[in-house]
Amino acid sequence: QVQLVESGGDLVQAGTSLRLSCAASGSISRLNVMGWYRQAPGKQRELVATITSGGTTNYADSEKGRFTISRDGAKNTVWLQMNSLKPEDTAVYYCNYRSLVSSTTYWGQGTQVTVSS
């Protein structure tokens, strides 16, 4: 089992920045990928960004240049730095963990990000 605890969601104004954190604990595979997905009301959950245990990152095209994902391998913590936020970034942001050995996947409970115009 892997537990994911997210934090950092907030109500902010457009153009400002926010940083989300996700701390993983439990049976963490040495080879894994962690990331952030988001789900806006009435929409499907979508990829925001991921980062592997080796540091390889992947971003959704719409977030490239505005969002930065990083991680502390020793602490199994992942951050999502979000800059120049837009109202359309409003969503519940979910942390995701997937083992690259077993493909076992876990989700956090989500943290709400609301961007007002």
C-alpha atoms as a PDB file:
ATOM      1  CA  GLN A   1       0.000   0.000   0.000  1.00  0.00           C
ATOM      2  CA  VAL A   2       1.070   3.544  -0.750  1.00  0.00           C
ATOM      3  CA  GLN A   3      -0.466   6.564   0.901  1.00  0.00           C
ATOM      4  CA  LEU A   4      -0.464   9.948  -0.789  1.00  0.00           C
ATOM      5  CA  VAL A   5      -1.093  13.152   1.124  1.00  0.00           C
ATOM      6  CA  GLU A   6      -1.624  16.295  -0.899  1.00  0.00           C
ATOM      7  CA  SER A   7      -1.542  19.880   0.264  1.00  0.00           C
ATOM      8  CA  GLY A   8      -1.358  23.387  -1.097  1.00  0.00           C
ATOM      9  CA  GLY A   9      -4.686  23.872  -2.816  1.00  0.00           C
ATOM     10  CA  ASP A  10      -6.227  27.287  -2.353  1.00  0.00           C
ATOM     11  CA  LEU A  11      -8.383  30.034  -3.782  1.00  0.00           C
ATOM     12  CA  VAL A  12      -6.150  32.473  -5.681  1.00  0.00           C
ATOM     13  CA  GLN A  13      -6.451  35.227  -8.232  1.00  0.00           C
ATOM     14  CA  ALA A  14      -5.563  34.824 -11.871  1.00  0.00           C
ATOM     15  CA  GLY A  15      -1.935  35.557 -12.630  1.00  0.00           C
ATOM     16  CA  THR A  16      -0.655  34.408  -9.279  1.00  0.00           C
ATOM     17  CA  SER A  17       1.274  31.287  -8.309  1.00  0.00           C
ATOM     18  CA  LEU A  18       0.614  28.250  -6.169  1.00  0.00           C
ATOM     19  CA  ARG A  19       2.654  25.221  -5.156  1.00  0.00           C
ATOM     20  CA  LEU A  20       1.117  21.844  -4.502  1.00  0.00           C
ATOM     21  CA  SER A  21       2.839  19.138  -2.481  1.00  0.00           C
ATOM     22  CA  CYS A  22       2.321  15.399  -2.384  1.00  0.00           C
ATOM     23  CA  ALA A  23       4.024  13.194   0.168  1.00  0.00           C
ATOM     24  CA  ALA A  24       4.109   9.456  -0.464  1.00  0.00           C
ATOM     25  CA  SER A  25       4.594   6.848   2.218  1.00  0.00           C
ATOM     26  CA  GLY A  26       4.316   3.094   2.540  1.00  0.00           C
ATOM     27  CA  SER A  27       5.605   0.426   0.175  1.00  0.00           C
ATOM     28  CA  ILE A  28       7.245   2.659  -2.374  1.00  0.00           C
ATOM     29  CA  SER A  29       8.990   1.070  -5.285  1.00  0.00           C
ATOM     30  CA  ARG A  30      12.463   2.328  -6.061  1.00  0.00           C
ATOM     31  CA  LEU A  31      11.328   2.690  -9.665  1.00  0.00           C
ATOM     32  CA  ASN A  32       8.176   4.742  -9.888  1.00  0.00           C
ATOM     33  CA  VAL A  33       6.481   7.666 -11.501  1.00  0.00           C
ATOM     34  CA  MET A  34       4.560  10.297  -9.571  1.00  0.00           C
ATOM     35  CA  GLY A  35       2.515  13.086 -10.919  1.00  0.00           C
ATOM     36  CA  TRP A  36      -0.449  15.353 -10.902  1.00  0.00           C
ATOM     37  CA  TYR A  37      -3.750  15.051 -12.656  1.00  0.00           C
ATOM     38  CA  ARG A  38      -6.717  17.374 -12.426  1.00  0.00           C
ATOM     39  CA  GLN A  39     -10.436  17.175 -12.860  1.00  0.00           C
ATOM     40  CA  ALA A  40     -12.628  20.180 -13.461  1.00  0.00           C
ATOM     41  CA  PRO A  41     -16.389  20.025 -12.892  1.00  0.00           C
ATOM     42  CA  GLY A  42     -18.081  18.110 -15.660  1.00  0.00           C
ATOM     43  CA  LYS A  43     -14.809  17.099 -17.266  1.00  0.00           C
ATOM     44  CA  GLN A  44     -12.658  14.016 -17.296  1.00  0.00           C
ATOM     45  CA  ARG A  45      -9.529  13.724 -15.221  1.00  0.00           C
ATOM     46  CA  GLU A  46      -6.534  14.845 -17.243  1.00  0.00           C
ATOM     47  CA  LEU A  47      -2.772  14.720 -16.996  1.00  0.00           C
ATOM     48  CA  VAL A  48      -0.961  17.773 -15.707  1.00  0.00           C
ATOM     49  CA  ALA A  49       2.597  16.530 -15.230  1.00  0.00           C
ATOM     50  CA  THR A  50       4.561  13.485 -14.145  1.00  0.00           C
ATOM     51  CA  ILE A  51       8.083  12.796 -12.975  1.00  0.00           C
ATOM     52  CA  THR A  52       9.857   9.472 -12.695  1.00  0.00           C
ATOM     53  CA  SER A  53      12.098   8.354  -9.888  1.00  0.00           C
ATOM     54  CA  GLY A  54      14.951   9.049 -12.293  1.00  0.00           C
ATOM     55  CA  GLY A  55      13.819  12.636 -12.800  1.00  0.00           C
ATOM     56  CA  THR A  56      12.295  12.401 -16.265  1.00  0.00           C
ATOM     57  CA  THR A  57       9.372  14.801 -16.591  1.00  0.00           C
ATOM     58  CA  ASN A  58       6.326  14.903 -18.806  1.00  0.00           C
ATOM     59  CA  TYR A  59       3.855  17.753 -19.143  1.00  0.00           C
ATOM     60  CA  ALA A  60       0.518  18.292 -20.768  1.00  0.00           C
ATOM     61  CA  ASP A  61       0.997  20.708 -23.653  1.00  0.00           C
ATOM     62  CA  SER A  62      -1.250  23.335 -22.088  1.00  0.00           C
ATOM     63  CA  GLU A  63       0.922  23.517 -18.951  1.00  0.00           C
ATOM     64  CA  LYS A  64       4.346  23.609 -20.525  1.00  0.00           C
ATOM     65  CA  GLY A  65       6.155  26.749 -19.461  1.00  0.00           C
ATOM     66  CA  ARG A  66       3.730  27.597 -16.665  1.00  0.00           C
ATOM     67  CA  PHE A  67       3.924  24.548 -14.427  1.00  0.00           C
ATOM     68  CA  THR A  68       6.997  22.810 -13.089  1.00  0.00           C
ATOM     69  CA  ILE A  69       7.042  19.421 -11.425  1.00  0.00           C
ATOM     70  CA  SER A  70       9.891  18.381  -9.141  1.00  0.00           C
ATOM     71  CA  ARG A  71      10.564  15.756  -6.526  1.00  0.00           C
ATOM     72  CA  ASP A  72      12.706  14.902  -3.564  1.00  0.00           C
ATOM     73  CA  GLY A  73      13.561  11.270  -3.977  1.00  0.00           C
ATOM     74  CA  ALA A  74      14.741  10.771  -0.428  1.00  0.00           C
ATOM     75  CA  LYS A  75      11.475  12.103   0.982  1.00  0.00           C
ATOM     76  CA  ASN A  76       9.226  10.720  -1.762  1.00  0.00           C
ATOM     77  CA  THR A  77       7.670  14.120  -2.107  1.00  0.00           C
ATOM     78  CA  VAL A  78       6.550  15.716  -5.328  1.00  0.00           C
ATOM     79  CA  TRP A  79       5.773  19.380  -5.888  1.00  0.00           C
ATOM     80  CA  LEU A  80       3.882  21.151  -8.615  1.00  0.00           C
ATOM     81  CA  GLN A  81       4.781  24.798  -9.010  1.00  0.00           C
ATOM     82  CA  MET A  82       2.026  26.567 -10.893  1.00  0.00           C
ATOM     83  CA  ASN A  83       2.653  30.052 -12.227  1.00  0.00           C
ATOM     84  CA  SER A  84       0.478  32.506 -14.142  1.00  0.00           C
ATOM     85  CA  LEU A  85      -2.639  30.692 -13.049  1.00  0.00           C
ATOM     86  CA  LYS A  86      -5.772  31.037 -15.153  1.00  0.00           C
ATOM     87  CA  PRO A  87      -9.421  30.521 -14.251  1.00  0.00           C
ATOM     88  CA  GLU A  88      -9.406  27.450 -16.475  1.00  0.00           C
ATOM     89  CA  ASP A  89      -6.850  25.887 -14.130  1.00  0.00           C
ATOM     90  CA  THR A  90      -9.621  25.594 -11.555  1.00  0.00           C
ATOM     91  CA  ALA A  91      -9.988  21.922 -10.680  1.00  0.00           C
ATOM     92  CA  VAL A  92      -9.373  19.280  -8.085  1.00  0.00           C
ATOM     93  CA  TYR A  93      -5.746  18.270  -8.396  1.00  0.00           C
ATOM     94  CA  TYR A  94      -4.911  14.649  -7.658  1.00  0.00           C
ATOM     95  CA  CYS A  95      -1.542  13.185  -6.856  1.00  0.00           C
ATOM     96  CA  ASN A  96      -0.772   9.889  -8.540  1.00  0.00           C
ATOM     97  CA  TYR A  97       1.791   7.193  -7.870  1.00  0.00           C
ATOM     98  CA  ARG A  98       2.552   4.257 -10.140  1.00  0.00           C
ATOM     99  CA  SER A  99       5.145   1.595  -9.629  1.00  0.00           C
ATOM    100  CA  LEU A 100       7.222   0.993 -12.749  1.00  0.00           C
ATOM    101  CA  VAL A 101       7.802  -2.563 -11.529  1.00  0.00           C
ATOM    102  CA  SER A 102       4.264  -3.740 -10.833  1.00  0.00           C
ATOM    103  CA  SER A 103       2.211  -0.929 -12.432  1.00  0.00           C
ATOM    104  CA  THR A 104       0.266  -0.653  -9.185  1.00  0.00           C
ATOM    105  CA  THR A 105      -1.348   2.758  -9.066  1.00  0.00           C
ATOM    106  CA  TYR A 106      -2.540   4.892  -6.185  1.00  0.00           C
ATOM    107  CA  TRP A 107      -4.364   8.189  -6.013  1.00  0.00           C
ATOM    108  CA  GLY A 108      -4.489  10.894  -3.408  1.00  0.00           C
ATOM    109  CA  GLN A 109      -7.757  12.354  -2.226  1.00  0.00           C
ATOM    110  CA  GLY A 110      -7.292  15.557  -4.163  1.00  0.00           C
ATOM    111  CA  THR A 111      -6.774  19.194  -3.335  1.00  0.00           C
ATOM    112  CA  GLN A 112      -8.964  21.992  -4.654  1.00  0.00           C
ATOM    113  CA  VAL A 113      -7.429  24.786  -6.691  1.00  0.00           C
ATOM    114  CA  THR A 114      -9.722  27.672  -7.541  1.00  0.00           C
ATOM    115  CA  VAL A 115      -8.525  30.554  -9.681  1.00  0.00           C
ATOM    116  CA  SER A 116     -10.699  33.640  -9.734  1.00  0.00           C
ATOM    117  CA  SER A 117     -10.647  36.131 -12.573  1.00  0.00           C
END
